[in-house]
Amino acid sequence: MSIINRLEKVWVTVTFVLCCVFTGQVSADEVIKQTANGGINWSQGTIFAHGYGVAPQEQLGSSKARLLARRAAQLDAYRNLAEIVNGVRVNSQTLVQDMTLASDTVRTQVEAVIKGAIMTKDHYQNDVASVTMEIPMAGNLMETFIPKEQTKHSGLTSTANGLIGYELYQAQFTSAWLAFKQSVDLDFISKAHAATQPFVITTAEEAEFTKRMAQWLQQQGAGQAAQQLDLFIKDFENTANFTGLLIDASSVADFEIAAVPTIRSESGEIVYPNDDTSYDDLVKKRPVSYDFDVDDAIRNTRVAIKPMIVKAKTTYKLRKSDLVIGDAEAKILQNNKTIYQVMHNAGVMVVVAD
């Protein structure tokens, strides 16, 4: 290959890269729900709308005509934004439209947010103006969706402080111990809990207690039981330093994206969000972001560097924005202090089907 051809090849490559940088094509595909006049970017947490306007027919100076056309385009974009915002799903049970129809206060607040939209694109050609207006979901809009007084989930009990979780763990171990005394089967722990709730270590205190029990069982000749406990300890050590939660719902075809999706155990218990979810983070950071690809989601700053990846099994009954995860994973999320803290401080991502 000649030097000239090589230079041409390099120039083409550089040109392509620069085009990608300025057009945004380098970034991974974002989860966007498109409408005829705009859409919702669920990855960025923004709602956008396009508007078009023309200047009046009477003779005007070019500057004034452009301003009038732009103003008409803005008004058109505001109307389209209102339509798109009304279609936003807050959770499995609520659309924004339901809220605005039920409350004049909510409708007024939503209108105020829309009027504060930012113009991100502005184009004028042949007497026609086109604009794109955008509003973030985080902040005032999320505060309108989720009033602070409505964030409490009655009937839920937190185990974030570790006390209740540890008492439950001790009760589990006592049950296993009784099974051991009544049986010569040394694989008593897994069998004792096979038909009930999963046996999972969730705190450092539980891990230390289990280590002592494993050592004692080994001394008593119950090696198989001790090995089972060692597996529980390793599982805990592998999940002790998570930096976020990544729900892989790519195989759940009927999942409906919502601003605040609910995560449930197989028994239907709400794992997230609950009373321990930070309200400020819920409305200021958005509780959940979305992606199409697990590998891309892992690199997202919301859950990086080491997210816990949990596979969603299905949606919950008729609630298509409620995702069901396994009971074992649900217990870890409820009782592991590290993952519990980051999860309830807007450290959640959901991967959806493309």
Protein backbone atom coordinates (compact mmCIF):
# COMPACT_ATOMS: atom_id res chain seq x y z
CA MET A 1 0.00 0.00 0.00
CA SER A 2 1.44 3.42 -0.96
CA ILE A 3 2.00 6.21 1.52
CA ILE A 4 -0.77 8.25 -0.13
CA ASN A 5 -3.24 5.37 0.17
CA ARG A 6 -2.28 4.89 3.78
CA LEU A 7 -2.78 8.58 4.50
CA GLU A 8 -6.17 8.46 2.78
CA LYS A 9 -7.13 5.45 4.89
CA VAL A 10 -6.05 7.22 8.08
CA TRP A 11 -7.98 10.35 7.09
CA VAL A 12 -11.15 8.35 6.44
CA THR A 13 -10.79 6.64 9.81
CA VAL A 14 -10.23 9.93 11.64
CA THR A 15 -13.17 11.51 9.85
CA PHE A 16 -15.42 8.60 10.82
CA VAL A 17 -14.35 8.78 14.46
CA LEU A 18 -14.95 12.53 14.62
CA CYS A 19 -18.37 12.10 13.05
CA CYS A 20 -19.21 9.46 15.62
CA VAL A 21 -18.10 11.72 18.46
CA PHE A 22 -20.24 14.63 17.34
CA THR A 23 -23.27 12.58 16.40
CA GLY A 24 -23.22 10.34 19.47
CA GLN A 25 -22.95 7.09 17.49
CA VAL A 26 -20.09 5.78 19.64
CA SER A 27 -22.30 5.38 22.69
CA ALA A 28 -24.29 2.23 23.23
CA ASP A 29 -27.92 2.07 22.16
CA GLU A 30 -30.11 3.84 24.66
CA VAL A 31 -33.55 2.71 25.79
CA ILE A 32 -35.83 5.22 24.08
CA LYS A 33 -39.58 5.02 23.70
CA GLN A 34 -40.24 6.98 20.52
CA THR A 35 -43.50 8.74 19.71
CA ALA A 36 -44.54 10.65 16.61
CA ASN A 37 -43.43 13.94 18.16
CA GLY A 38 -40.67 13.00 20.59
CA GLY A 39 -40.14 10.32 23.18
CA ILE A 40 -38.78 9.19 26.55
CA ASN A 41 -35.11 8.40 26.96
CA TRP A 42 -35.20 5.89 29.81
CA SER A 43 -31.41 5.54 29.84
CA GLN A 44 -30.75 9.26 30.28
CA GLY A 45 -33.92 9.94 32.23
CA THR A 46 -35.22 12.66 29.92
CA ILE A 47 -38.45 13.40 28.08
CA PHE A 48 -38.18 15.29 24.78
CA ALA A 49 -40.55 16.63 22.16
CA HIS A 50 -40.22 18.25 18.75
CA GLY A 51 -42.15 21.30 17.63
CA TYR A 52 -42.61 23.10 14.31
CA GLY A 53 -43.71 26.64 13.52
CA VAL A 54 -43.90 29.11 10.64
CA ALA A 55 -43.84 32.88 10.59
CA PRO A 56 -47.04 34.87 9.79
CA GLN A 57 -47.71 35.55 6.12
CA GLU A 58 -47.43 39.36 6.37
CA GLN A 59 -44.18 41.02 5.40
CA LEU A 60 -41.73 40.92 8.29
CA GLY A 61 -38.03 41.37 8.72
CA SER A 62 -36.11 38.11 8.62
CA SER A 63 -35.09 38.36 12.29
CA LYS A 64 -38.63 38.95 13.52
CA ALA A 65 -40.01 36.22 11.27
CA ARG A 66 -37.51 33.78 12.69
CA LEU A 67 -38.38 34.70 16.29
CA LEU A 68 -42.11 34.30 15.64
CA ALA A 69 -41.59 30.96 13.91
CA ARG A 70 -39.43 29.73 16.77
CA ARG A 71 -42.06 30.82 19.30
CA ALA A 72 -44.72 28.89 17.41
CA ALA A 73 -42.43 25.85 17.32
CA GLN A 74 -41.89 26.11 21.10
CA LEU A 75 -45.62 26.19 21.77
CA ASP A 76 -46.04 23.14 19.54
CA ALA A 77 -43.24 21.37 21.44
CA TYR A 78 -44.87 22.23 24.80
CA ARG A 79 -48.12 20.63 23.65
CA ASN A 80 -46.28 17.55 22.49
CA LEU A 81 -44.31 17.37 25.76
CA ALA A 82 -47.56 17.46 27.71
CA GLU A 83 -48.91 14.55 25.68
CA ILE A 84 -45.73 12.49 26.17
CA VAL A 85 -45.48 13.25 29.90
CA ASN A 86 -49.08 12.16 30.40
CA GLY A 87 -48.14 8.79 28.93
CA VAL A 88 -45.28 8.17 31.37
CA ARG A 89 -45.80 5.08 33.52
CA VAL A 90 -44.90 5.79 37.15
CA ASN A 91 -45.36 2.19 38.30
CA SER A 92 -47.53 -0.82 37.53
CA GLN A 93 -50.64 0.91 38.79
CA THR A 94 -50.26 4.52 37.75
CA LEU A 95 -49.84 6.63 34.63
CA VAL A 96 -49.15 10.35 34.91
CA GLN A 97 -52.43 10.93 33.09
CA ASP A 98 -54.27 9.21 35.96
CA MET A 99 -52.63 11.64 38.39
CA THR A 100 -53.35 14.78 36.38
CA LEU A 101 -56.99 13.83 35.88
CA ALA A 102 -57.42 13.12 39.58
CA SER A 103 -55.66 16.22 40.92
CA ASP A 104 -55.65 19.84 39.77
CA THR A 105 -52.53 20.36 41.89
CA VAL A 106 -50.62 17.63 40.08
CA ARG A 107 -51.75 18.95 36.70
CA THR A 108 -50.57 22.46 37.61
CA GLN A 109 -47.21 21.15 38.80
CA VAL A 110 -46.69 19.10 35.64
CA GLU A 111 -47.57 22.12 33.48
CA ALA A 112 -45.02 24.21 35.38
CA VAL A 113 -42.30 21.59 34.78
CA ILE A 114 -43.13 21.50 31.06
CA LYS A 115 -42.89 25.29 30.78
CA GLY A 116 -39.40 25.02 32.23
CA ALA A 117 -38.23 22.73 29.42
CA ILE A 118 -34.83 23.40 27.89
CA MET A 119 -34.41 23.90 24.15
CA THR A 120 -31.76 21.43 22.97
CA LYS A 121 -32.14 21.91 19.21
CA ASP A 122 -33.11 24.93 17.14
CA HIS A 123 -33.24 25.03 13.35
CA TYR A 124 -34.71 27.55 10.91
CA GLN A 125 -34.95 27.13 7.17
CA ASN A 126 -37.38 28.34 4.45
CA ASP A 127 -39.51 30.22 7.01
CA VAL A 128 -40.00 27.04 9.08
CA ALA A 129 -38.59 26.69 12.59
CA SER A 130 -38.05 23.33 14.26
CA VAL A 131 -37.07 22.92 17.91
CA THR A 132 -36.55 20.10 20.39
CA MET A 133 -37.50 20.73 24.02
CA GLU A 134 -36.35 18.49 26.84
CA ILE A 135 -37.10 18.03 30.54
CA PRO A 136 -35.33 15.77 33.05
CA MET A 137 -37.37 13.19 34.91
CA ALA A 138 -35.28 13.68 38.04
CA GLY A 139 -36.10 16.65 40.21
CA ASN A 140 -39.40 18.52 40.06
CA LEU A 141 -41.11 15.99 37.80
CA MET A 142 -40.26 12.99 39.99
CA GLU A 143 -41.33 14.96 43.07
CA THR A 144 -44.68 15.46 41.38
CA PHE A 145 -44.92 11.76 40.48
CA ILE A 146 -43.93 10.64 43.98
CA PRO A 147 -45.11 12.99 46.75
CA LYS A 148 -43.06 12.48 49.89
CA GLU A 149 -46.08 11.62 52.01
CA GLN A 150 -46.89 8.68 49.70
CA THR A 151 -43.52 6.93 49.81
CA LYS A 152 -44.18 4.76 52.85
CA HIS A 153 -45.05 1.16 52.02
CA SER A 154 -47.21 -0.09 54.86
CA GLY A 155 -46.62 -3.62 56.09
CA LEU A 156 -42.95 -3.80 55.09
CA THR A 157 -40.31 -4.52 57.71
CA SER A 158 -36.74 -3.46 57.12
CA THR A 159 -33.81 -5.70 58.04
CA ALA A 160 -31.21 -3.15 57.00
CA ASN A 161 -29.85 -2.70 60.52
CA GLY A 162 -28.94 -6.38 60.60
CA LEU A 163 -30.68 -7.10 63.93
CA ILE A 164 -33.88 -8.61 62.60
CA GLY A 165 -31.97 -10.39 59.85
CA TYR A 166 -29.55 -11.91 62.36
CA GLU A 167 -32.38 -13.12 64.58
CA LEU A 168 -33.99 -14.79 61.58
CA TYR A 169 -30.66 -16.36 60.71
CA GLN A 170 -30.23 -17.75 64.22
CA ALA A 171 -33.74 -19.16 64.08
CA GLN A 172 -32.85 -20.85 60.79
CA PHE A 173 -29.72 -22.33 62.27
CA THR A 174 -31.60 -23.54 65.34
CA SER A 175 -34.03 -25.31 63.03
CA ALA A 176 -31.13 -26.93 61.20
CA TRP A 177 -29.53 -27.93 64.51
CA LEU A 178 -32.72 -29.67 65.66
CA ALA A 179 -32.87 -31.49 62.34
CA PHE A 180 -29.28 -32.62 62.89
CA LYS A 181 -30.03 -34.03 66.35
CA GLN A 182 -32.91 -36.05 64.95
CA SER A 183 -31.10 -37.36 61.88
CA VAL A 184 -27.95 -39.25 61.00
CA ASP A 185 -27.88 -37.57 57.56
CA LEU A 186 -24.89 -35.20 57.69
CA ASP A 187 -26.22 -33.10 54.81
CA PHE A 188 -28.84 -31.79 57.22
CA ILE A 189 -28.58 -28.06 56.56
CA SER A 190 -29.49 -28.04 52.90
CA LYS A 191 -32.20 -30.67 53.43
CA ALA A 192 -33.64 -28.84 56.44
CA HIS A 193 -34.21 -25.75 54.31
CA ALA A 194 -34.91 -27.25 50.91
CA ALA A 195 -38.65 -27.00 51.37
CA THR A 196 -38.63 -23.63 53.17
CA GLN A 197 -36.82 -20.33 52.69
CA PRO A 198 -33.22 -20.24 51.39
CA PHE A 199 -30.35 -20.49 53.86
CA VAL A 200 -28.26 -17.39 53.15
CA ILE A 201 -25.58 -15.57 55.16
CA THR A 202 -26.14 -11.82 54.96
CA THR A 203 -23.84 -10.13 57.53
CA ALA A 204 -20.25 -10.43 58.77
CA GLU A 205 -21.58 -11.47 62.19
CA GLU A 206 -23.49 -14.37 60.63
CA ALA A 207 -20.42 -15.40 58.63
CA GLU A 208 -18.24 -15.48 61.76
CA PHE A 209 -20.86 -17.49 63.67
CA THR A 210 -21.13 -19.94 60.76
CA LYS A 211 -17.35 -20.37 60.61
CA ARG A 212 -17.29 -21.37 64.26
CA MET A 213 -20.13 -23.82 63.72
CA ALA A 214 -18.35 -25.31 60.67
CA GLN A 215 -15.18 -25.81 62.70
CA TRP A 216 -17.10 -27.50 65.53
CA LEU A 217 -18.98 -29.77 63.10
CA GLN A 218 -15.68 -30.76 61.47
CA GLN A 219 -14.33 -31.73 64.90
CA GLN A 220 -17.45 -33.82 65.55
CA GLY A 221 -16.94 -35.77 62.35
CA ALA A 222 -19.78 -34.05 60.49
CA GLY A 223 -17.58 -33.11 57.54
CA GLN A 224 -20.36 -33.02 54.96
CA ALA A 225 -22.36 -30.53 57.02
CA ALA A 226 -19.24 -28.43 57.59
CA GLN A 227 -18.59 -28.34 53.83
CA GLN A 228 -22.14 -27.14 53.25
CA LEU A 229 -21.59 -24.29 55.70
CA ASP A 230 -18.32 -23.42 53.97
CA LEU A 231 -20.27 -22.98 50.73
CA PHE A 232 -22.63 -20.56 52.46
CA ILE A 233 -19.64 -18.61 53.77
CA LYS A 234 -18.06 -18.40 50.30
CA ASP A 235 -21.34 -17.21 48.81
CA PHE A 236 -21.41 -14.40 51.36
CA GLU A 237 -17.78 -13.42 50.77
CA ASN A 238 -18.45 -13.25 47.03
CA THR A 239 -21.37 -10.86 47.55
CA ALA A 240 -20.00 -8.61 50.30
CA ASN A 241 -18.66 -5.70 48.23
CA PHE A 242 -21.26 -4.93 45.57
CA THR A 243 -21.49 -1.37 44.27
CA GLY A 244 -24.94 -1.55 42.69
CA LEU A 245 -27.81 -3.75 41.59
CA LEU A 246 -28.34 -4.86 38.00
CA ILE A 247 -31.62 -6.62 37.22
CA ASP A 248 -31.43 -8.58 33.98
CA ALA A 249 -35.00 -8.52 32.64
CA SER A 250 -33.99 -9.07 29.02
CA SER A 251 -35.92 -12.36 28.90
CA VAL A 252 -39.10 -10.91 30.46
CA ALA A 253 -40.99 -10.03 27.29
CA ASP A 254 -44.06 -8.46 28.92
CA PHE A 255 -42.20 -6.08 31.24
CA GLU A 256 -43.40 -2.49 30.93
CA ILE A 257 -40.80 0.19 31.65
CA ALA A 258 -41.77 2.52 34.50
CA ALA A 259 -40.15 5.39 36.35
CA VAL A 260 -40.28 3.35 39.56
CA PRO A 261 -40.44 -0.39 38.82
CA THR A 262 -41.04 -2.67 41.78
CA ILE A 263 -38.77 -5.63 42.59
CA ARG A 264 -40.47 -8.55 44.33
CA SER A 265 -39.56 -11.97 45.66
CA GLU A 266 -41.28 -15.08 44.29
CA SER A 267 -43.70 -14.91 47.22
CA GLY A 268 -44.69 -11.38 46.18
CA GLU A 269 -42.88 -9.50 48.97
CA ILE A 270 -41.68 -6.06 47.88
CA VAL A 271 -37.89 -5.87 47.95
CA TYR A 272 -37.54 -2.45 46.29
CA PRO A 273 -38.50 0.32 46.75
CA ASN A 274 -39.50 0.32 50.40
CA ASP A 275 -39.31 2.47 53.52
CA ASP A 276 -35.50 2.50 53.42
CA THR A 277 -35.30 3.92 49.92
CA SER A 278 -33.89 7.43 50.14
CA TYR A 279 -36.57 9.90 49.04
CA ASP A 280 -34.02 12.49 47.96
CA ASP A 281 -32.23 9.96 45.79
CA LEU A 282 -35.55 8.63 44.56
CA VAL A 283 -36.57 11.97 43.11
CA LYS A 284 -33.26 13.77 42.51
CA LYS A 285 -31.28 10.95 40.90
CA ARG A 286 -34.12 8.80 39.56
CA PRO A 287 -34.39 5.42 41.25
CA VAL A 288 -33.69 3.26 38.17
CA SER A 289 -31.99 3.55 34.80
CA TYR A 290 -32.37 1.22 31.81
CA ASP A 291 -30.14 -0.41 29.21
CA PHE A 292 -30.42 -2.99 26.45
CA ASP A 293 -27.16 -4.82 27.14
CA VAL A 294 -25.77 -6.31 30.36
CA ASP A 295 -22.15 -5.59 29.40
CA ASP A 296 -22.96 -1.94 28.72
CA ALA A 297 -24.97 -1.65 31.92
CA ILE A 298 -22.11 -3.02 34.02
CA ARG A 299 -19.96 -0.08 32.91
CA ASN A 300 -22.60 2.47 33.87
CA THR A 301 -21.50 4.70 36.75
CA ARG A 302 -24.83 4.10 38.49
CA VAL A 303 -23.86 0.51 39.41
CA ALA A 304 -20.10 0.28 38.67
CA ILE A 305 -17.63 -1.09 39.59
CA LYS A 306 -19.02 -4.38 40.87
CA PRO A 307 -22.80 -4.67 40.50
CA MET A 308 -24.74 -7.63 41.77
CA ILE A 309 -26.46 -9.14 38.72
CA VAL A 310 -29.83 -10.75 39.35
CA LYS A 311 -31.95 -12.48 36.73
CA ALA A 312 -35.60 -11.48 36.69
CA LYS A 313 -37.92 -14.46 36.31
CA THR A 314 -41.20 -12.86 35.29
CA THR A 315 -43.58 -10.00 36.04
CA TYR A 316 -45.87 -10.14 39.05
CA LYS A 317 -49.41 -11.23 38.20
CA LEU A 318 -51.08 -8.42 36.22
CA ARG A 319 -48.55 -5.81 37.31
CA LYS A 320 -46.30 -5.61 34.28
CA SER A 321 -43.86 -3.14 35.83
CA ASP A 322 -43.22 -5.40 38.85
CA LEU A 323 -40.28 -7.77 38.34
CA VAL A 324 -39.99 -11.05 40.24
CA ILE A 325 -36.58 -12.37 41.32
CA GLY A 326 -35.64 -15.59 43.11
CA ASP A 327 -36.20 -15.86 46.86
CA ALA A 328 -32.51 -16.50 47.55
CA GLU A 329 -31.48 -13.33 45.69
CA ALA A 330 -34.30 -11.39 47.36
CA LYS A 331 -33.02 -12.39 50.78
CA ILE A 332 -29.52 -11.21 49.95
CA LEU A 333 -30.88 -7.86 48.73
CA GLN A 334 -32.91 -7.46 51.90
CA ASN A 335 -30.20 -8.39 54.38
CA ASN A 336 -26.77 -7.78 52.87
CA LYS A 337 -25.87 -4.37 54.29
CA THR A 338 -23.62 -3.27 51.43
CA ILE A 339 -25.96 -4.04 48.54
CA TYR A 340 -28.98 -2.88 50.54
CA GLN A 341 -27.41 0.54 51.04
CA VAL A 342 -26.39 1.15 47.42
CA MET A 343 -29.69 -0.25 46.14
CA HIS A 344 -31.68 2.23 48.19
CA ASN A 345 -29.52 5.14 47.11
CA ALA A 346 -30.38 5.07 43.39
CA GLY A 347 -27.89 2.35 42.50
CA VAL A 348 -30.23 0.22 40.36
CA MET A 349 -30.27 -0.58 36.64
CA VAL A 350 -32.61 -2.80 34.65
CA VAL A 351 -31.65 -4.46 31.37
CA VAL A 352 -34.66 -4.85 29.08
CA ALA A 353 -35.34 -6.68 25.85
CA ASP A 354 -34.34 -4.84 22.69
